[in-house]
């Protein structure tokens, strides 16, 4: 893995020293992978159900982060 660490203030990356100072973690307000997979599954199911019933599928307006927060 790369020895880069994210600067959460401006989004840039910088190189870490050889000492391990901690892991680069995902920001707390971003949704985890399991939530995104669950949302995709719900959207696909709803679209298939709409097509089966003869309706036009709805357009998804908001992203995962909007639903997570």
PDB file of N, CA and C in Angstrom:
ATOM      1  N   UNK A   1       0.822  -1.186   0.000  1.00  0.00           N
ATOM      2  CA  UNK A   1       0.000   0.000   0.000  1.00  0.00           C
ATOM      3  C   UNK A   1       0.869   1.253   0.000  1.00  0.00           C
ATOM      4  N   UNK A   2       0.315   2.272  -0.469  1.00  0.00           N
ATOM      5  CA  UNK A   2       1.019   3.541  -0.557  1.00  0.00           C
ATOM      6  C   UNK A   2       1.167   4.169   0.821  1.00  0.00           C
ATOM      7  N   UNK A   3       2.218   4.938   1.000  1.00  0.00           N
ATOM      8  CA  UNK A   3       2.425   5.632   2.275  1.00  0.00           C
ATOM      9  C   UNK A   3       1.981   7.084   2.160  1.00  0.00           C
ATOM     10  N   UNK A   4       0.801   7.284   1.646  1.00  0.00           N
ATOM     11  CA  UNK A   4       0.251   8.629   1.556  1.00  0.00           C
ATOM     12  C   UNK A   4      -0.868   8.785   2.560  1.00  0.00           C
ATOM     13  N   UNK A   5      -1.082   9.992   2.979  1.00  0.00           N
ATOM     14  CA  UNK A   5      -2.131  10.281   3.941  1.00  0.00           C
ATOM     15  C   UNK A   5      -2.932  11.459   3.422  1.00  0.00           C
ATOM     16  N   UNK A   6      -4.241  11.375   3.544  1.00  0.00           N
ATOM     17  CA  UNK A   6      -5.115  12.420   3.023  1.00  0.00           C
ATOM     18  C   UNK A   6      -5.179  13.586   3.995  1.00  0.00           C
ATOM     19  N   UNK A   7      -5.058  14.784   3.454  1.00  0.00           N
ATOM     20  CA  UNK A   7      -5.269  15.995   4.232  1.00  0.00           C
ATOM     21  C   UNK A   7      -6.749  16.325   4.098  1.00  0.00           C
ATOM     22  N   UNK A   8      -7.513  16.177   5.169  1.00  0.00           N
ATOM     23  CA  UNK A   8      -8.968  16.314   5.098  1.00  0.00           C
ATOM     24  C   UNK A   8      -9.422  17.755   4.940  1.00  0.00           C
ATOM     25  N   UNK A   9      -8.538  18.692   5.127  1.00  0.00           N
ATOM     26  CA  UNK A   9      -8.945  20.085   5.007  1.00  0.00           C
ATOM     27  C   UNK A   9      -9.058  20.524   3.557  1.00  0.00           C
ATOM     28  N   UNK A  10      -8.059  20.165   2.744  1.00  0.00           N
ATOM     29  CA  UNK A  10      -8.128  20.601   1.347  1.00  0.00           C
ATOM     30  C   UNK A  10      -8.179  19.449   0.360  1.00  0.00           C
ATOM     31  N   UNK A  11      -8.191  18.200   0.829  1.00  0.00           N
ATOM     32  CA  UNK A  11      -8.341  17.057  -0.057  1.00  0.00           C
ATOM     33  C   UNK A  11      -7.081  16.607  -0.750  1.00  0.00           C
ATOM     34  N   UNK A  12      -5.949  17.245  -0.482  1.00  0.00           N
ATOM     35  CA  UNK A  12      -4.716  16.861  -1.150  1.00  0.00           C
ATOM     36  C   UNK A  12      -4.052  15.697  -0.411  1.00  0.00           C
ATOM     37  N   UNK A  13      -3.097  15.071  -1.082  1.00  0.00           N
ATOM     38  CA  UNK A  13      -2.352  13.966  -0.489  1.00  0.00           C
ATOM     39  C   UNK A  13      -0.929  14.414  -0.213  1.00  0.00           C
ATOM     40  N   UNK A  14      -0.320  13.872   0.806  1.00  0.00           N
ATOM     41  CA  UNK A  14       1.076  14.156   1.072  1.00  0.00           C
ATOM     42  C   UNK A  14       1.756  12.885   1.549  1.00  0.00           C
ATOM     43  N   UNK A  15       3.065  12.815   1.393  1.00  0.00           N
ATOM     44  CA  UNK A  15       3.833  11.616   1.715  1.00  0.00           C
ATOM     45  C   UNK A  15       4.102  11.574   3.218  1.00  0.00           C
ATOM     46  N   UNK A  16       3.914  10.389   3.796  1.00  0.00           N
ATOM     47  CA  UNK A  16       4.173  10.209   5.227  1.00  0.00           C
ATOM     48  C   UNK A  16       5.653   9.924   5.460  1.00  0.00           C
ATOM     49  N   UNK A  17       6.097  10.110   6.673  1.00  0.00           N
ATOM     50  CA  UNK A  17       7.438   9.705   7.056  1.00  0.00           C
ATOM     51  C   UNK A  17       7.490   8.187   7.127  1.00  0.00           C
ATOM     52  N   UNK A  18       8.700   7.650   7.359  1.00  0.00           N
ATOM     53  CA  UNK A  18       8.838   6.202   7.460  1.00  0.00           C
ATOM     54  C   UNK A  18       8.127   5.648   8.692  1.00  0.00           C
ATOM     55  N   UNK A  19       7.994   6.457   9.733  1.00  0.00           N
ATOM     56  CA  UNK A  19       7.275   5.990  10.911  1.00  0.00           C
ATOM     57  C   UNK A  19       5.794   5.907  10.572  1.00  0.00           C
ATOM     58  N   UNK A  20       5.146   4.884  11.088  1.00  0.00           N
ATOM     59  CA  UNK A  20       3.719   4.731  10.832  1.00  0.00           C
ATOM     60  C   UNK A  20       2.960   5.630  11.808  1.00  0.00           C
ATOM     61  N   UNK A  21       2.245   6.609  11.283  1.00  0.00           N
ATOM     62  CA  UNK A  21       1.561   7.574  12.136  1.00  0.00           C
ATOM     63  C   UNK A  21       0.070   7.275  12.261  1.00  0.00           C
ATOM     64  N   UNK A  22      -0.432   6.327  11.533  1.00  0.00           N
ATOM     65  CA  UNK A  22      -1.842   6.017  11.588  1.00  0.00           C
ATOM     66  C   UNK A  22      -2.393   5.769  10.196  1.00  0.00           C
ATOM     67  N   UNK A  23      -3.543   5.178  10.153  1.00  0.00           N
ATOM     68  CA  UNK A  23      -4.149   4.845   8.872  1.00  0.00           C
ATOM     69  C   UNK A  23      -4.890   6.032   8.297  1.00  0.00           C
ATOM     70  N   UNK A  24      -4.957   6.040   6.976  1.00  0.00           N
ATOM     71  CA  UNK A  24      -5.746   7.028   6.265  1.00  0.00           C
ATOM     72  C   UNK A  24      -7.183   6.518   6.276  1.00  0.00           C
ATOM     73  N   UNK A  25      -8.049   7.162   7.028  1.00  0.00           N
ATOM     74  CA  UNK A  25      -9.420   6.682   7.182  1.00  0.00           C
ATOM     75  C   UNK A  25     -10.381   7.477   6.322  1.00  0.00           C
ATOM     76  N   UNK A  26     -11.487   6.835   6.008  1.00  0.00           N
ATOM     77  CA  UNK A  26     -12.549   7.482   5.250  1.00  0.00           C
ATOM     78  C   UNK A  26     -13.212   8.516   6.159  1.00  0.00           C
ATOM     79  N   UNK A  27     -13.560   9.689   5.641  1.00  0.00           N
ATOM     80  CA  UNK A  27     -14.242  10.690   6.469  1.00  0.00           C
ATOM     81  C   UNK A  27     -15.547  10.141   7.033  1.00  0.00           C
ATOM     82  N   UNK A  28     -15.910  10.578   8.212  1.00  0.00           N
ATOM     83  CA  UNK A  28     -17.063  10.018   8.920  1.00  0.00           C
ATOM     84  C   UNK A  28     -18.381  10.269   8.202  1.00  0.00           C
ATOM     85  N   UNK A  29     -18.465  11.293   7.368  1.00  0.00           N
ATOM     86  CA  UNK A  29     -19.729  11.606   6.729  1.00  0.00           C
ATOM     87  C   UNK A  29     -19.921  10.887   5.395  1.00  0.00           C
ATOM     88  N   UNK A  30     -18.977  10.046   4.980  1.00  0.00           N
ATOM     89  CA  UNK A  30     -19.106   9.282   3.746  1.00  0.00           C
ATOM     90  C   UNK A  30     -19.754   7.930   4.054  1.00  0.00           C
ATOM     91  N   UNK A  31     -20.627   7.437   3.188  1.00  0.00           N
ATOM     92  CA  UNK A  31     -21.289   6.160   3.453  1.00  0.00           C
ATOM     93  C   UNK A  31     -20.340   4.981   3.229  1.00  0.00           C
ATOM     94  N   UNK A  32     -20.496   3.907   4.014  1.00  0.00           N
ATOM     95  CA  UNK A  32     -19.668   2.720   3.827  1.00  0.00           C
ATOM     96  C   UNK A  32     -20.132   1.902   2.623  1.00  0.00           C
ATOM     97  N   UNK A  33     -19.311   0.934   2.270  1.00  0.00           N
ATOM     98  CA  UNK A  33     -19.576   0.118   1.088  1.00  0.00           C
ATOM     99  C   UNK A  33     -20.891  -0.644   1.204  1.00  0.00           C
ATOM    100  N   UNK A  34     -21.191  -1.201   2.392  1.00  0.00           N
ATOM    101  CA  UNK A  34     -22.412  -1.992   2.537  1.00  0.00           C
ATOM    102  C   UNK A  34     -23.648  -1.134   2.314  1.00  0.00           C
ATOM    103  N   UNK A  35     -23.597   0.138   2.694  1.00  0.00           N
ATOM    104  CA  UNK A  35     -24.747   1.024   2.489  1.00  0.00           C
ATOM    105  C   UNK A  35     -24.950   1.309   0.999  1.00  0.00           C
ATOM    106  N   UNK A  36     -23.852   1.539   0.283  1.00  0.00           N
ATOM    107  CA  UNK A  36     -23.956   1.810  -1.151  1.00  0.00           C
ATOM    108  C   UNK A  36     -24.486   0.589  -1.904  1.00  0.00           C
ATOM    109  N   UNK A  37     -24.030  -0.612  -1.513  1.00  0.00           N
ATOM    110  CA  UNK A  37     -24.525  -1.825  -2.151  1.00  0.00           C
ATOM    111  C   UNK A  37     -26.017  -2.009  -1.885  1.00  0.00           C
ATOM    112  N   UNK A  38     -26.443  -1.727  -0.667  1.00  0.00           N
ATOM    113  CA  UNK A  38     -27.863  -1.849  -0.316  1.00  0.00           C
ATOM    114  C   UNK A  38     -28.710  -0.869  -1.122  1.00  0.00           C
ATOM    115  N   UNK A  39     -28.208   0.358  -1.298  1.00  0.00           N
ATOM    116  CA  UNK A  39     -28.937   1.362  -2.071  1.00  0.00           C
ATOM    117  C   UNK A  39     -29.053   0.949  -3.535  1.00  0.00           C
ATOM    118  N   UNK A  40     -27.950   0.423  -4.139  1.00  0.00           N
ATOM    119  CA  UNK A  40     -28.002  -0.015  -5.533  1.00  0.00           C
ATOM    120  C   UNK A  40     -29.021  -1.139  -5.697  1.00  0.00           C
ATOM    121  N   UNK A  41     -29.043  -2.073  -4.730  1.00  0.00           N
ATOM    122  CA  UNK A  41     -29.973  -3.191  -4.797  1.00  0.00           C
ATOM    123  C   UNK A  41     -31.416  -2.704  -4.755  1.00  0.00           C
ATOM    124  N   UNK A  42     -31.692  -1.726  -3.885  1.00  0.00           N
ATOM    125  CA  UNK A  42     -33.045  -1.173  -3.804  1.00  0.00           C
ATOM    126  C   UNK A  42     -33.433  -0.451  -5.085  1.00  0.00           C
ATOM    127  N   UNK A  43     -32.503   0.315  -5.664  1.00  0.00           N
ATOM    128  CA  UNK A  43     -32.791   1.054  -6.898  1.00  0.00           C
ATOM    129  C   UNK A  43     -33.051   0.105  -8.063  1.00  0.00           C
ATOM    130  N   UNK A  44     -32.228  -0.953  -8.183  1.00  0.00           N
ATOM    131  CA  UNK A  44     -32.433  -1.920  -9.266  1.00  0.00           C
ATOM    132  C   UNK A  44     -33.758  -2.652  -9.110  1.00  0.00           C
ATOM    133  N   UNK A  45     -34.098  -3.033  -7.876  1.00  0.00           N
ATOM    134  CA  UNK A  45     -35.351  -3.725  -7.627  1.00  0.00           C
ATOM    135  C   UNK A  45     -36.541  -2.848  -7.980  1.00  0.00           C
ATOM    136  N   UNK A  46     -36.488  -1.595  -7.591  1.00  0.00           N
ATOM    137  CA  UNK A  46     -37.590  -0.676  -7.884  1.00  0.00           C
ATOM    138  C   UNK A  46     -37.742  -0.449  -9.384  1.00  0.00           C
ATOM    139  N   UNK A  47     -36.613  -0.326 -10.102  1.00  0.00           N
ATOM    140  CA  UNK A  47     -36.672  -0.123 -11.549  1.00  0.00           C
ATOM    141  C   UNK A  47     -37.253  -1.343 -12.254  1.00  0.00           C
ATOM    142  N   UNK A  48     -36.834  -2.542 -11.833  1.00  0.00           N
ATOM    143  CA  UNK A  48     -37.367  -3.762 -12.443  1.00  0.00           C
ATOM    144  C   UNK A  48     -38.858  -3.914 -12.164  1.00  0.00           C
ATOM    145  N   UNK A  49     -39.271  -3.576 -10.951  1.00  0.00           N
ATOM    146  CA  UNK A  49     -40.678  -3.673 -10.590  1.00  0.00           C
ATOM    147  C   UNK A  49     -41.510  -2.677 -11.403  1.00  0.00           C
ATOM    148  N   UNK A  50     -41.009  -1.466 -11.589  1.00  0.00           N
ATOM    149  CA  UNK A  50     -41.720  -0.469 -12.395  1.00  0.00           C
ATOM    150  C   UNK A  50     -41.877  -0.940 -13.843  1.00  0.00           C
ATOM    151  N   UNK A  51     -40.805  -1.487 -14.417  1.00  0.00           N
ATOM    152  CA  UNK A  51     -40.880  -1.978 -15.789  1.00  0.00           C
ATOM    153  C   UNK A  51     -41.866  -3.145 -15.905  1.00  0.00           C
ATOM    154  N   UNK A  52     -41.866  -4.015 -14.922  1.00  0.00           N
ATOM    155  CA  UNK A  52     -42.777  -5.161 -14.931  1.00  0.00           C
ATOM    156  C   UNK A  52     -44.236  -4.711 -14.863  1.00  0.00           C
ATOM    157  N   UNK A  53     -44.505  -3.642 -14.119  1.00  0.00           N
ATOM    158  CA  UNK A  53     -45.872  -3.144 -13.972  1.00  0.00           C
ATOM    159  C   UNK A  53     -46.257  -2.174 -15.085  1.00  0.00           C
ATOM    160  N   UNK A  54     -45.321  -1.857 -15.979  1.00  0.00           N
ATOM    161  CA  UNK A  54     -45.628  -1.015 -17.120  1.00  0.00           C
ATOM    162  C   UNK A  54     -45.402   0.469 -16.891  1.00  0.00           C
ATOM    163  N   UNK A  55     -44.729   0.836 -15.820  1.00  0.00           N
ATOM    164  CA  UNK A  55     -44.426   2.234 -15.535  1.00  0.00           C
ATOM    165  C   UNK A  55     -43.021   2.585 -16.019  1.00  0.00           C
ATOM    166  N   UNK A  56     -42.777   3.861 -16.165  1.00  0.00           N
ATOM    167  CA  UNK A  56     -41.431   4.347 -16.471  1.00  0.00           C
ATOM    168  C   UNK A  56     -40.630   4.383 -15.167  1.00  0.00           C
ATOM    169  N   UNK A  57     -39.412   3.814 -15.125  1.00  0.00           N
ATOM    170  CA  UNK A  57     -38.622   3.836 -13.877  1.00  0.00           C
ATOM    171  C   UNK A  57     -38.289   5.268 -13.457  1.00  0.00           C
ATOM    172  N   UNK A  58     -38.271   5.498 -12.152  1.00  0.00           N
ATOM    173  CA  UNK A  58     -37.929   6.822 -11.613  1.00  0.00           C
ATOM    174  C   UNK A  58     -36.448   7.114 -11.781  1.00  0.00           C
ATOM    175  N   UNK A  59     -36.126   8.372 -11.930  1.00  0.00           N
ATOM    176  CA  UNK A  59     -34.737   8.807 -11.987  1.00  0.00           C
ATOM    177  C   UNK A  59     -34.268   9.059 -10.557  1.00  0.00           C
ATOM    178  N   UNK A  60     -33.087   8.532 -10.214  1.00  0.00           N
ATOM    179  CA  UNK A  60     -32.529   8.722  -8.878  1.00  0.00           C
ATOM    180  C   UNK A  60     -31.863  10.092  -8.841  1.00  0.00           C
ATOM    181  N   UNK A  61     -32.354  10.979  -7.986  1.00  0.00           N
ATOM    182  CA  UNK A  61     -31.868  12.357  -7.970  1.00  0.00           C
ATOM    183  C   UNK A  61     -30.699  12.572  -7.011  1.00  0.00           C
ATOM    184  N   UNK A  62     -30.699  11.885  -5.889  1.00  0.00           N
ATOM    185  CA  UNK A  62     -29.679  12.126  -4.868  1.00  0.00           C
ATOM    186  C   UNK A  62     -28.718  10.959  -4.794  1.00  0.00           C
ATOM    187  N   UNK A  63     -27.518  11.208  -4.298  1.00  0.00           N
ATOM    188  CA  UNK A  63     -26.511  10.176  -4.175  1.00  0.00           C
ATOM    189  C   UNK A  63     -26.543   9.520  -2.808  1.00  0.00           C
ATOM    190  N   UNK A  64     -25.580   8.627  -2.607  1.00  0.00           N
ATOM    191  CA  UNK A  64     -25.509   7.884  -1.357  1.00  0.00           C
ATOM    192  C   UNK A  64     -25.210   8.775  -0.170  1.00  0.00           C
ATOM    193  N   UNK A  65     -24.358   9.747  -0.357  1.00  0.00           N
ATOM    194  CA  UNK A  65     -23.984  10.612   0.756  1.00  0.00           C
ATOM    195  C   UNK A  65     -25.178  11.412   1.254  1.00  0.00           C
ATOM    196  N   UNK A  66     -26.056  11.799   0.351  1.00  0.00           N
ATOM    197  CA  UNK A  66     -27.246  12.552   0.746  1.00  0.00           C
ATOM    198  C   UNK A  66     -28.151  11.667   1.602  1.00  0.00           C
ATOM    199  N   UNK A  67     -28.307  10.381   1.231  1.00  0.00           N
ATOM    200  CA  UNK A  67     -29.144   9.457   1.995  1.00  0.00           C
ATOM    201  C   UNK A  67     -28.499   9.070   3.316  1.00  0.00           C
ATOM    202  N   UNK A  68     -27.189   8.970   3.344  1.00  0.00           N
ATOM    203  CA  UNK A  68     -26.467   8.525   4.544  1.00  0.00           C
ATOM    204  C   UNK A  68     -26.529   9.577   5.655  1.00  0.00           C
ATOM    205  N   UNK A  69     -26.455  10.847   5.276  1.00  0.00           N
ATOM    206  CA  UNK A  69     -26.455  11.916   6.275  1.00  0.00           C
ATOM    207  C   UNK A  69     -27.826  12.326   6.577  1.00  0.00           C
TER     208      UNK A  69
END
